[in-house]
Amino acid sequence: MAEVKELVKKLANKHGRYRKDLLPILQAVVKEQSFLSGEAMRAIAEELDISSADVFGTASFFSFLNTKPKGKYIIRVCKSITCDMKGKDKLINTMEDMLKIKLGETTHGKRFSLLETNCIGMCNCGPAMLINDKVFTEIDLIKVREILGDYIRNKY
């Protein structure tokens, strides 16, 4: 608990202690700890003097702010109408088969998490996905097998 409180205090010193500073602090905690634990959200609420409900509400609204542990590689498939029309469901089915998990799940050993997310700003190059911060565009069944195969074989 002390370690989380110290991290939150450091981040509040850097970003500020106003309501407007909540999102950068949440993002920094996720970057540092890979997800927002209940402990971290309570520490943030205390440090910013806002309710825990406000912190959790903000954290749970944004799909990139994980409130549960995820895999080392977080695969986010864009679910915009453009990517949907260009076959993202077939891509998801292929990834589910390759990873042996369903959308929204994490593999045993926490290596991969497979998620859908709102538009990632690549509609002109869809279907698109992110693996952690790396963007992949104009993916098809062949590309998704190659990309995911490389990650499975530890090439990244």
N, C-alpha and C. Protein backbone atom coordinates (compact mmCIF):
# COMPACT_ATOMS: atom_id res chain seq x y z
N MET A 1 0.83 -1.20 0.00
CA MET A 1 0.00 0.00 0.00
C MET A 1 0.87 1.26 0.00
N ALA A 2 1.92 1.24 0.77
CA ALA A 2 2.79 2.42 0.86
C ALA A 2 3.42 2.74 -0.49
N GLU A 3 3.79 1.68 -1.23
CA GLU A 3 4.40 1.88 -2.55
C GLU A 3 3.42 2.57 -3.51
N VAL A 4 2.17 2.15 -3.51
CA VAL A 4 1.16 2.75 -4.38
C VAL A 4 0.91 4.20 -3.97
N LYS A 5 0.79 4.43 -2.69
CA LYS A 5 0.56 5.81 -2.20
C LYS A 5 1.72 6.72 -2.59
N GLU A 6 2.93 6.20 -2.51
CA GLU A 6 4.11 6.99 -2.88
C GLU A 6 4.10 7.31 -4.37
N LEU A 7 3.74 6.34 -5.19
CA LEU A 7 3.64 6.56 -6.64
C LEU A 7 2.59 7.63 -6.94
N VAL A 8 1.43 7.51 -6.33
CA VAL A 8 0.35 8.47 -6.56
C VAL A 8 0.77 9.87 -6.10
N LYS A 9 1.42 9.96 -4.98
CA LYS A 9 1.90 11.26 -4.48
C LYS A 9 2.88 11.88 -5.47
N LYS A 10 3.81 11.07 -5.98
CA LYS A 10 4.79 11.54 -6.97
C LYS A 10 4.08 12.04 -8.23
N LEU A 11 3.09 11.29 -8.68
CA LEU A 11 2.35 11.68 -9.89
C LEU A 11 1.52 12.94 -9.67
N ALA A 12 0.95 13.07 -8.49
CA ALA A 12 0.18 14.28 -8.17
C ALA A 12 1.10 15.49 -8.10
N ASN A 13 2.31 15.30 -7.57
CA ASN A 13 3.28 16.40 -7.56
C ASN A 13 3.63 16.83 -8.98
N LYS A 14 3.69 15.88 -9.88
CA LYS A 14 4.04 16.17 -11.28
C LYS A 14 2.87 16.78 -12.05
N HIS A 15 1.67 16.19 -11.92
CA HIS A 15 0.53 16.59 -12.75
C HIS A 15 -0.40 17.60 -12.08
N GLY A 16 -0.46 17.60 -10.77
CA GLY A 16 -1.37 18.50 -10.05
C GLY A 16 -2.39 17.70 -9.25
N ARG A 17 -3.15 18.43 -8.45
CA ARG A 17 -4.11 17.78 -7.55
C ARG A 17 -5.54 18.26 -7.78
N TYR A 18 -5.84 18.63 -8.99
CA TYR A 18 -7.19 19.07 -9.33
C TYR A 18 -7.91 17.96 -10.10
N ARG A 19 -9.20 18.08 -10.19
CA ARG A 19 -10.03 17.10 -10.92
C ARG A 19 -9.53 16.93 -12.35
N LYS A 20 -9.09 18.02 -12.96
CA LYS A 20 -8.59 17.99 -14.34
C LYS A 20 -7.30 17.17 -14.48
N ASP A 21 -6.64 16.90 -13.38
CA ASP A 21 -5.39 16.15 -13.40
C ASP A 21 -5.60 14.64 -13.25
N LEU A 22 -6.84 14.24 -13.05
CA LEU A 22 -7.15 12.83 -12.81
C LEU A 22 -6.71 11.94 -13.96
N LEU A 23 -7.07 12.27 -15.18
CA LEU A 23 -6.78 11.40 -16.32
C LEU A 23 -5.27 11.18 -16.52
N PRO A 24 -4.45 12.23 -16.49
CA PRO A 24 -3.01 11.97 -16.65
C PRO A 24 -2.44 11.10 -15.52
N ILE A 25 -2.97 11.24 -14.33
CA ILE A 25 -2.50 10.41 -13.22
C ILE A 25 -2.93 8.96 -13.43
N LEU A 26 -4.18 8.75 -13.85
CA LEU A 26 -4.65 7.39 -14.13
C LEU A 26 -3.79 6.74 -15.22
N GLN A 27 -3.52 7.50 -16.28
CA GLN A 27 -2.71 6.97 -17.38
C GLN A 27 -1.31 6.61 -16.91
N ALA A 28 -0.73 7.44 -16.07
CA ALA A 28 0.62 7.20 -15.57
C ALA A 28 0.67 5.96 -14.66
N VAL A 29 -0.36 5.76 -13.86
CA VAL A 29 -0.41 4.57 -13.01
C VAL A 29 -0.49 3.31 -13.88
N VAL A 30 -1.33 3.35 -14.91
CA VAL A 30 -1.43 2.20 -15.82
C VAL A 30 -0.10 1.94 -16.50
N LYS A 31 0.57 2.99 -16.91
CA LYS A 31 1.88 2.82 -17.57
C LYS A 31 2.88 2.19 -16.60
N GLU A 32 2.83 2.59 -15.35
CA GLU A 32 3.77 2.10 -14.34
C GLU A 32 3.43 0.70 -13.83
N GLN A 33 2.13 0.44 -13.62
CA GLN A 33 1.73 -0.81 -12.96
C GLN A 33 0.90 -1.74 -13.85
N SER A 34 0.64 -1.35 -15.07
CA SER A 34 -0.10 -2.09 -16.09
C SER A 34 -1.61 -2.15 -15.87
N PHE A 35 -2.10 -1.78 -14.71
CA PHE A 35 -3.55 -1.67 -14.48
C PHE A 35 -3.80 -0.83 -13.24
N LEU A 36 -5.06 -0.44 -13.06
CA LEU A 36 -5.46 0.36 -11.91
C LEU A 36 -6.10 -0.54 -10.86
N SER A 37 -5.39 -0.82 -9.82
CA SER A 37 -5.94 -1.63 -8.74
C SER A 37 -6.91 -0.78 -7.92
N GLY A 38 -7.75 -1.45 -7.15
CA GLY A 38 -8.64 -0.73 -6.23
C GLY A 38 -7.84 0.12 -5.27
N GLU A 39 -6.72 -0.42 -4.84
CA GLU A 39 -5.82 0.29 -3.94
C GLU A 39 -5.31 1.59 -4.57
N ALA A 40 -4.90 1.51 -5.84
CA ALA A 40 -4.40 2.70 -6.55
C ALA A 40 -5.50 3.72 -6.73
N MET A 41 -6.71 3.27 -7.08
CA MET A 41 -7.82 4.21 -7.28
C MET A 41 -8.20 4.89 -5.97
N ARG A 42 -8.18 4.17 -4.86
CA ARG A 42 -8.46 4.79 -3.56
C ARG A 42 -7.38 5.80 -3.20
N ALA A 43 -6.13 5.48 -3.47
CA ALA A 43 -5.02 6.40 -3.18
C ALA A 43 -5.15 7.67 -4.03
N ILE A 44 -5.54 7.53 -5.27
CA ILE A 44 -5.73 8.70 -6.15
C ILE A 44 -6.87 9.56 -5.62
N ALA A 45 -7.97 8.93 -5.25
CA ALA A 45 -9.11 9.67 -4.71
C ALA A 45 -8.70 10.46 -3.47
N GLU A 46 -7.96 9.83 -2.61
CA GLU A 46 -7.50 10.49 -1.38
C GLU A 46 -6.57 11.65 -1.70
N GLU A 47 -5.62 11.42 -2.59
CA GLU A 47 -4.63 12.45 -2.93
C GLU A 47 -5.26 13.66 -3.62
N LEU A 48 -6.28 13.41 -4.45
CA LEU A 48 -6.94 14.51 -5.17
C LEU A 48 -8.16 15.04 -4.44
N ASP A 49 -8.50 14.41 -3.33
CA ASP A 49 -9.66 14.80 -2.53
C ASP A 49 -10.95 14.78 -3.35
N ILE A 50 -11.13 13.65 -4.06
CA ILE A 50 -12.36 13.41 -4.80
C ILE A 50 -12.86 12.02 -4.40
N SER A 51 -14.07 11.70 -4.77
CA SER A 51 -14.63 10.41 -4.35
C SER A 51 -14.01 9.25 -5.14
N SER A 52 -13.96 8.10 -4.48
CA SER A 52 -13.50 6.88 -5.16
C SER A 52 -14.40 6.56 -6.34
N ALA A 53 -15.68 6.87 -6.21
CA ALA A 53 -16.63 6.62 -7.30
C ALA A 53 -16.27 7.45 -8.52
N ASP A 54 -15.82 8.69 -8.33
CA ASP A 54 -15.39 9.53 -9.45
C ASP A 54 -14.17 8.90 -10.15
N VAL A 55 -13.25 8.44 -9.35
CA VAL A 55 -12.03 7.84 -9.92
C VAL A 55 -12.39 6.58 -10.69
N PHE A 56 -13.16 5.68 -10.07
CA PHE A 56 -13.53 4.43 -10.74
C PHE A 56 -14.39 4.71 -11.97
N GLY A 57 -15.31 5.67 -11.88
CA GLY A 57 -16.16 6.01 -13.02
C GLY A 57 -15.34 6.48 -14.21
N THR A 58 -14.34 7.30 -13.94
CA THR A 58 -13.46 7.77 -15.01
C THR A 58 -12.64 6.62 -15.57
N ALA A 59 -12.06 5.83 -14.67
CA ALA A 59 -11.20 4.72 -15.09
C ALA A 59 -11.98 3.70 -15.92
N SER A 60 -13.19 3.39 -15.51
CA SER A 60 -13.95 2.37 -16.22
C SER A 60 -14.56 2.89 -17.52
N PHE A 61 -14.64 4.20 -17.69
CA PHE A 61 -15.18 4.77 -18.92
C PHE A 61 -14.21 4.60 -20.09
N PHE A 62 -12.92 4.75 -19.83
CA PHE A 62 -11.92 4.71 -20.89
C PHE A 62 -11.38 3.29 -21.07
N SER A 63 -11.48 2.76 -22.29
CA SER A 63 -11.09 1.37 -22.53
C SER A 63 -9.58 1.14 -22.41
N PHE A 64 -8.78 2.17 -22.44
CA PHE A 64 -7.33 2.00 -22.35
C PHE A 64 -6.84 2.07 -20.91
N LEU A 65 -7.75 2.30 -19.97
CA LEU A 65 -7.39 2.31 -18.56
C LEU A 65 -7.86 0.98 -17.95
N ASN A 66 -6.98 0.04 -17.90
CA ASN A 66 -7.33 -1.29 -17.41
C ASN A 66 -7.56 -1.26 -15.90
N THR A 67 -8.70 -1.78 -15.48
CA THR A 67 -8.99 -1.87 -14.05
C THR A 67 -8.82 -3.31 -13.55
N LYS A 68 -8.36 -4.18 -14.42
CA LYS A 68 -8.04 -5.56 -14.06
C LYS A 68 -6.74 -5.92 -14.77
N PRO A 69 -5.98 -6.82 -14.18
CA PRO A 69 -4.73 -7.23 -14.84
C PRO A 69 -5.01 -7.80 -16.24
N LYS A 70 -4.16 -7.45 -17.16
CA LYS A 70 -4.26 -7.94 -18.54
C LYS A 70 -2.96 -8.65 -18.90
N GLY A 71 -2.91 -9.17 -20.09
CA GLY A 71 -1.73 -9.87 -20.56
C GLY A 71 -0.59 -8.92 -20.89
N LYS A 72 0.57 -9.51 -21.08
CA LYS A 72 1.75 -8.74 -21.48
C LYS A 72 1.49 -8.02 -22.80
N TYR A 73 0.80 -8.72 -23.70
CA TYR A 73 0.44 -8.14 -24.99
C TYR A 73 -1.07 -7.94 -25.03
N ILE A 74 -1.48 -6.69 -25.09
CA ILE A 74 -2.90 -6.37 -25.14
C ILE A 74 -3.26 -6.07 -26.60
N ILE A 75 -4.08 -6.93 -27.17
CA ILE A 75 -4.51 -6.79 -28.56
C ILE A 75 -5.87 -6.09 -28.54
N ARG A 76 -5.93 -4.92 -29.16
CA ARG A 76 -7.17 -4.15 -29.22
C ARG A 76 -7.59 -4.04 -30.68
N VAL A 77 -8.71 -4.63 -31.00
CA VAL A 77 -9.23 -4.60 -32.37
C VAL A 77 -10.26 -3.49 -32.45
N CYS A 78 -10.10 -2.64 -33.45
CA CYS A 78 -11.02 -1.52 -33.63
C CYS A 78 -12.40 -2.04 -33.99
N LYS A 79 -13.41 -1.52 -33.30
CA LYS A 79 -14.78 -1.97 -33.58
C LYS A 79 -15.62 -0.88 -34.26
N SER A 80 -14.95 0.04 -34.93
CA SER A 80 -15.69 1.08 -35.65
C SER A 80 -16.48 0.46 -36.80
N ILE A 81 -17.42 1.18 -37.31
CA ILE A 81 -18.25 0.68 -38.40
C ILE A 81 -17.40 0.36 -39.63
N THR A 82 -16.37 1.16 -39.87
CA THR A 82 -15.50 0.92 -41.03
C THR A 82 -14.78 -0.41 -40.90
N CYS A 83 -14.18 -0.65 -39.74
CA CYS A 83 -13.47 -1.93 -39.53
C CYS A 83 -14.45 -3.09 -39.53
N ASP A 84 -15.64 -2.85 -39.01
CA ASP A 84 -16.67 -3.89 -39.01
C ASP A 84 -17.03 -4.27 -40.45
N MET A 85 -17.22 -3.27 -41.29
CA MET A 85 -17.58 -3.53 -42.68
C MET A 85 -16.45 -4.21 -43.46
N LYS A 86 -15.21 -4.02 -42.99
CA LYS A 86 -14.06 -4.60 -43.68
C LYS A 86 -13.63 -5.94 -43.10
N GLY A 87 -14.48 -6.54 -42.24
CA GLY A 87 -14.25 -7.91 -41.83
C GLY A 87 -13.56 -8.14 -40.50
N LYS A 88 -13.66 -7.21 -39.57
CA LYS A 88 -12.97 -7.38 -38.29
C LYS A 88 -13.46 -8.61 -37.53
N ASP A 89 -14.71 -9.03 -37.73
CA ASP A 89 -15.20 -10.21 -37.00
C ASP A 89 -14.44 -11.48 -37.41
N LYS A 90 -14.12 -11.62 -38.69
CA LYS A 90 -13.34 -12.78 -39.15
C LYS A 90 -11.94 -12.75 -38.55
N LEU A 91 -11.39 -11.55 -38.43
CA LEU A 91 -10.06 -11.40 -37.84
C LEU A 91 -10.09 -11.80 -36.37
N ILE A 92 -11.12 -11.36 -35.66
CA ILE A 92 -11.26 -11.71 -34.25
C ILE A 92 -11.41 -13.22 -34.09
N ASN A 93 -12.23 -13.84 -34.94
CA ASN A 93 -12.40 -15.30 -34.88
C ASN A 93 -11.06 -16.02 -35.07
N THR A 94 -10.25 -15.53 -36.00
CA THR A 94 -8.94 -16.13 -36.25
C THR A 94 -8.03 -15.97 -35.04
N MET A 95 -8.04 -14.78 -34.44
CA MET A 95 -7.21 -14.55 -33.25
C MET A 95 -7.68 -15.40 -32.07
N GLU A 96 -8.99 -15.54 -31.93
CA GLU A 96 -9.52 -16.39 -30.85
C GLU A 96 -9.04 -17.83 -31.04
N ASP A 97 -9.07 -18.31 -32.27
CA ASP A 97 -8.60 -19.68 -32.56
C ASP A 97 -7.11 -19.82 -32.27
N MET A 98 -6.32 -18.84 -32.68
CA MET A 98 -4.88 -18.91 -32.48
C MET A 98 -4.50 -18.83 -31.00
N LEU A 99 -5.20 -17.99 -30.26
CA LEU A 99 -4.85 -17.77 -28.84
C LEU A 99 -5.59 -18.70 -27.89
N LYS A 100 -6.62 -19.37 -28.40
CA LYS A 100 -7.45 -20.27 -27.57
C LYS A 100 -8.17 -19.52 -26.45
N ILE A 101 -8.60 -18.30 -26.76
CA ILE A 101 -9.40 -17.50 -25.84
C ILE A 101 -10.51 -16.82 -26.62
N LYS A 102 -11.47 -16.28 -25.92
CA LYS A 102 -12.54 -15.51 -26.53
C LYS A 102 -12.26 -14.02 -26.33
N LEU A 103 -12.93 -13.21 -27.11
CA LEU A 103 -12.84 -11.77 -26.99
C LEU A 103 -13.13 -11.37 -25.54
N GLY A 104 -12.29 -10.51 -24.98
CA GLY A 104 -12.46 -10.06 -23.60
C GLY A 104 -11.68 -10.89 -22.59
N GLU A 105 -11.04 -11.96 -23.05
CA GLU A 105 -10.32 -12.84 -22.14
C GLU A 105 -8.81 -12.65 -22.24
N THR A 106 -8.12 -13.25 -21.28
CA THR A 106 -6.66 -13.24 -21.22
C THR A 106 -6.19 -14.68 -21.18
N THR A 107 -5.12 -14.97 -21.89
CA THR A 107 -4.59 -16.33 -21.92
C THR A 107 -4.05 -16.73 -20.55
N HIS A 108 -4.00 -18.04 -20.33
CA HIS A 108 -3.36 -18.56 -19.12
C HIS A 108 -1.90 -18.10 -19.16
N GLY A 109 -1.38 -17.71 -18.05
CA GLY A 109 -0.03 -17.19 -18.02
C GLY A 109 0.04 -15.71 -18.33
N LYS A 110 -1.12 -15.11 -18.61
CA LYS A 110 -1.24 -13.66 -18.85
C LYS A 110 -0.29 -13.13 -19.93
N ARG A 111 -0.22 -13.87 -21.03
CA ARG A 111 0.63 -13.41 -22.13
C ARG A 111 -0.14 -12.50 -23.09
N PHE A 112 -1.40 -12.87 -23.40
CA PHE A 112 -2.20 -12.10 -24.36
C PHE A 112 -3.58 -11.80 -23.77
N SER A 113 -4.07 -10.59 -24.06
CA SER A 113 -5.46 -10.23 -23.82
C SER A 113 -6.03 -9.78 -25.15
N LEU A 114 -7.25 -10.20 -25.46
CA LEU A 114 -7.89 -9.86 -26.72
C LEU A 114 -9.12 -9.02 -26.43
N LEU A 115 -9.11 -7.78 -26.91
CA LEU A 115 -10.18 -6.83 -26.62
C LEU A 115 -10.64 -6.12 -27.88
N GLU A 116 -11.86 -5.61 -27.82
CA GLU A 116 -12.33 -4.68 -28.84
C GLU A 116 -12.25 -3.29 -28.23
N THR A 117 -12.06 -2.30 -29.07
CA THR A 117 -12.03 -0.94 -28.58
C THR A 117 -12.69 -0.03 -29.61
N ASN A 118 -13.10 1.13 -29.14
CA ASN A 118 -13.69 2.10 -30.05
C ASN A 118 -12.63 2.58 -31.03
N CYS A 119 -13.02 3.37 -31.95
CA CYS A 119 -12.17 3.88 -33.03
C CYS A 119 -10.77 4.24 -32.53
N ILE A 120 -9.75 3.78 -33.24
CA ILE A 120 -8.38 4.12 -32.90
C ILE A 120 -7.80 5.14 -33.89
N GLY A 121 -8.66 5.72 -34.69
CA GLY A 121 -8.23 6.79 -35.59
C GLY A 121 -7.59 6.30 -36.88
N MET A 122 -7.85 5.09 -37.26
CA MET A 122 -7.26 4.52 -38.47
C MET A 122 -8.33 4.06 -39.45
N CYS A 123 -9.46 4.72 -39.45
CA CYS A 123 -10.59 4.29 -40.27
C CYS A 123 -10.25 4.22 -41.76
N ASN A 124 -9.37 5.08 -42.20
CA ASN A 124 -9.00 5.06 -43.61
C ASN A 124 -8.10 3.88 -43.96
N CYS A 125 -7.60 3.18 -42.94
CA CYS A 125 -6.69 2.05 -43.15
C CYS A 125 -7.20 0.77 -42.49
N GLY A 126 -8.50 0.67 -42.31
CA GLY A 126 -9.06 -0.47 -41.60
C GLY A 126 -9.06 -1.73 -42.44
N PRO A 127 -9.27 -2.84 -41.78
CA PRO A 127 -9.38 -3.01 -40.35
C PRO A 127 -8.03 -2.75 -39.67
N ALA A 128 -8.14 -2.27 -38.43
CA ALA A 128 -6.94 -1.89 -37.69
C ALA A 128 -6.97 -2.49 -36.29
N MET A 129 -5.77 -2.66 -35.74
CA MET A 129 -5.65 -3.14 -34.37
C MET A 129 -4.38 -2.59 -33.76
N LEU A 130 -4.34 -2.64 -32.45
CA LEU A 130 -3.15 -2.28 -31.69
C LEU A 130 -2.70 -3.51 -30.92
N ILE A 131 -1.41 -3.70 -30.85
CA ILE A 131 -0.86 -4.64 -29.88
C ILE A 131 0.04 -3.79 -29.02
N ASN A 132 -0.41 -3.60 -27.79
CA ASN A 132 0.15 -2.61 -26.88
C ASN A 132 0.09 -1.25 -27.60
N ASP A 133 1.20 -0.63 -27.92
CA ASP A 133 1.17 0.68 -28.59
C ASP A 133 1.49 0.60 -30.07
N LYS A 134 1.67 -0.59 -30.59
CA LYS A 134 2.03 -0.75 -32.00
C LYS A 134 0.75 -0.90 -32.85
N VAL A 135 0.66 -0.07 -33.87
CA VAL A 135 -0.52 -0.03 -34.73
C VAL A 135 -0.32 -0.93 -35.95
N PHE A 136 -1.36 -1.69 -36.27
CA PHE A 136 -1.37 -2.52 -37.47
C PHE A 136 -2.62 -2.15 -38.27
N THR A 137 -2.44 -1.83 -39.53
CA THR A 137 -3.55 -1.39 -40.36
C THR A 137 -3.70 -2.29 -41.59
N GLU A 138 -4.86 -2.13 -42.22
CA GLU A 138 -5.19 -2.88 -43.43
C GLU A 138 -4.89 -4.37 -43.24
N ILE A 139 -5.28 -4.88 -42.10
CA ILE A 139 -5.01 -6.29 -41.81
C ILE A 139 -6.08 -7.17 -42.45
N ASP A 140 -5.64 -8.31 -42.88
CA ASP A 140 -6.53 -9.33 -43.43
C ASP A 140 -6.19 -10.63 -42.72
N LEU A 141 -6.80 -11.72 -43.14
CA LEU A 141 -6.56 -13.00 -42.47
C LEU A 141 -5.10 -13.45 -42.56
N ILE A 142 -4.47 -13.21 -43.69
CA ILE A 142 -3.06 -13.60 -43.85
C ILE A 142 -2.18 -12.75 -42.92
N LYS A 143 -2.39 -11.43 -42.93
CA LYS A 143 -1.58 -10.54 -42.09
C LYS A 143 -1.78 -10.83 -40.61
N VAL A 144 -3.02 -11.07 -40.21
CA VAL A 144 -3.25 -11.29 -38.78
C VAL A 144 -2.58 -12.58 -38.32
N ARG A 145 -2.56 -13.60 -39.17
CA ARG A 145 -1.86 -14.84 -38.81
C ARG A 145 -0.35 -14.61 -38.69
N GLU A 146 0.19 -13.81 -39.61
CA GLU A 146 1.63 -13.51 -39.57
C GLU A 146 1.99 -12.68 -38.33
N ILE A 147 1.22 -11.62 -38.11
CA ILE A 147 1.50 -10.72 -36.98
C ILE A 147 1.40 -11.48 -35.66
N LEU A 148 0.29 -12.13 -35.45
CA LEU A 148 0.07 -12.84 -34.20
C LEU A 148 1.06 -14.00 -34.06
N GLY A 149 1.34 -14.67 -35.17
CA GLY A 149 2.34 -15.74 -35.15
C GLY A 149 3.70 -15.24 -34.68
N ASP A 150 4.09 -14.05 -35.15
CA ASP A 150 5.36 -13.46 -34.70
C ASP A 150 5.37 -13.21 -33.20
N TYR A 151 4.25 -12.72 -32.67
CA TYR A 151 4.17 -12.49 -31.22
C TYR A 151 4.18 -13.81 -30.46
N ILE A 152 3.49 -14.79 -30.97
CA ILE A 152 3.47 -16.10 -30.30
C ILE A 152 4.87 -16.70 -30.27
N ARG A 153 5.61 -16.51 -31.35
CA ARG A 153 6.98 -17.06 -31.43
C ARG A 153 8.01 -16.13 -30.79
N ASN A 154 7.56 -15.11 -30.07
CA ASN A 154 8.45 -14.18 -29.34
C ASN A 154 9.34 -13.34 -30.23
N LYS A 155 8.87 -12.95 -31.40
CA LYS A 155 9.69 -12.09 -32.25
C LYS A 155 9.57 -10.63 -31.85
N TYR A 156 8.65 -10.31 -30.94
CA TYR A 156 8.50 -8.94 -30.45
C TYR A 156 8.81 -8.89 -28.99
